[in-house]
Amino acid sequence: MKTVKISLNSIDKVKAFVNDITKFDYDFDLVSGRYVIDAKSIMGIFSLDLSKPIDLNIHAEENVDAVLDVLKAYTIE
């Protein structure tokens, strides 16, 4: 499992993010405080506080680099 910090501070960014990660068969969780949401759920994402960075857990053993390349637009260094 790999964890990265992401920012989803607009509606368009949330839509694009969900479209990008649904192309992968892996499980993705968004963690904000004590809440853990399926990252492929648009409704779940909108229930989080999107003004702050969110942790994204990527449950993948291989091809993690390919996932990270797609997520570059959302990650915070």
Protein backbone atom coordinates (compact mmCIF):
# COMPACT_ATOMS: atom_id res chain seq x y z
CA MET A 1 0.00 0.00 0.00
CA LYS A 2 1.21 3.50 -0.85
CA THR A 3 -0.10 6.73 0.70
CA VAL A 4 0.11 10.17 -0.94
CA LYS A 5 -1.37 13.55 -0.04
CA ILE A 6 -3.75 15.00 -2.62
CA SER A 7 -5.77 18.17 -3.06
CA LEU A 8 -9.29 18.13 -4.52
CA ASN A 9 -10.26 21.76 -4.09
CA SER A 10 -12.78 22.11 -6.94
CA ILE A 11 -15.75 20.22 -8.36
CA ASP A 12 -14.00 19.76 -11.71
CA LYS A 13 -10.93 18.35 -9.98
CA VAL A 14 -13.07 15.82 -8.08
CA LYS A 15 -14.79 14.67 -11.30
CA ALA A 16 -11.49 14.35 -13.17
CA PHE A 17 -9.89 12.50 -10.21
CA VAL A 18 -12.70 9.92 -10.03
CA ASN A 19 -12.58 9.42 -13.81
CA ASP A 20 -8.81 8.88 -13.66
CA ILE A 21 -8.76 6.35 -10.82
CA THR A 22 -11.73 4.29 -12.03
CA LYS A 23 -9.49 3.17 -14.91
CA PHE A 24 -7.52 1.09 -12.40
CA ASP A 25 -8.73 -2.15 -10.79
CA TYR A 26 -7.08 -1.33 -7.47
CA ASP A 27 -8.84 -0.11 -4.34
CA PHE A 28 -8.34 3.52 -3.33
CA ASP A 29 -9.30 5.03 0.04
CA LEU A 30 -9.41 8.70 0.99
CA VAL A 31 -8.61 9.38 4.64
CA SER A 32 -9.60 12.68 6.23
CA GLY A 33 -9.36 12.69 10.02
CA ARG A 34 -11.29 9.66 11.22
CA TYR A 35 -13.27 9.26 7.99
CA VAL A 36 -12.29 6.69 5.37
CA ILE A 37 -14.10 6.98 2.03
CA ASP A 38 -13.95 4.90 -1.16
CA ALA A 39 -12.07 7.23 -3.51
CA LYS A 40 -14.15 6.05 -6.49
CA SER A 41 -17.31 7.46 -4.89
CA ILE A 42 -18.06 11.04 -5.94
CA MET A 43 -20.74 11.39 -3.26
CA GLY A 44 -18.32 10.09 -0.62
CA ILE A 45 -15.64 12.60 -1.67
CA PHE A 46 -18.07 15.51 -1.40
CA SER A 47 -18.82 14.47 2.20
CA LEU A 48 -15.20 15.31 3.14
CA ASP A 49 -13.66 18.68 3.96
CA LEU A 50 -12.04 19.42 0.59
CA SER A 51 -10.38 22.64 1.75
CA LYS A 52 -7.57 20.60 3.33
CA PRO A 53 -5.17 18.03 1.84
CA ILE A 54 -6.46 14.45 1.98
CA ASP A 55 -4.49 11.20 2.30
CA LEU A 56 -5.00 8.76 -0.57
CA ASN A 57 -4.25 5.11 0.18
CA ILE A 58 -3.46 3.12 -2.97
CA HIS A 59 -3.95 -0.61 -2.40
CA ALA A 60 -1.70 -1.86 -5.22
CA GLU A 61 1.35 -4.08 -5.15
CA GLU A 62 2.58 -3.56 -8.72
CA ASN A 63 2.32 -0.72 -11.25
CA VAL A 64 2.16 1.86 -8.46
CA ASP A 65 4.32 4.17 -10.60
CA ALA A 66 1.69 4.15 -13.36
CA VAL A 67 -0.97 5.15 -10.84
CA LEU A 68 1.24 7.92 -9.43
CA ASP A 69 1.86 9.29 -12.95
CA VAL A 70 -1.89 9.64 -13.50
CA LEU A 71 -2.31 11.26 -10.07
CA LYS A 72 0.44 13.90 -10.52
CA ALA A 73 -2.15 16.64 -11.14
CA TYR A 74 -3.65 16.04 -7.69
CA THR A 75 -0.66 15.19 -5.49
CA ILE A 76 0.97 17.59 -3.06
CA GLU A 77 4.72 17.27 -2.61
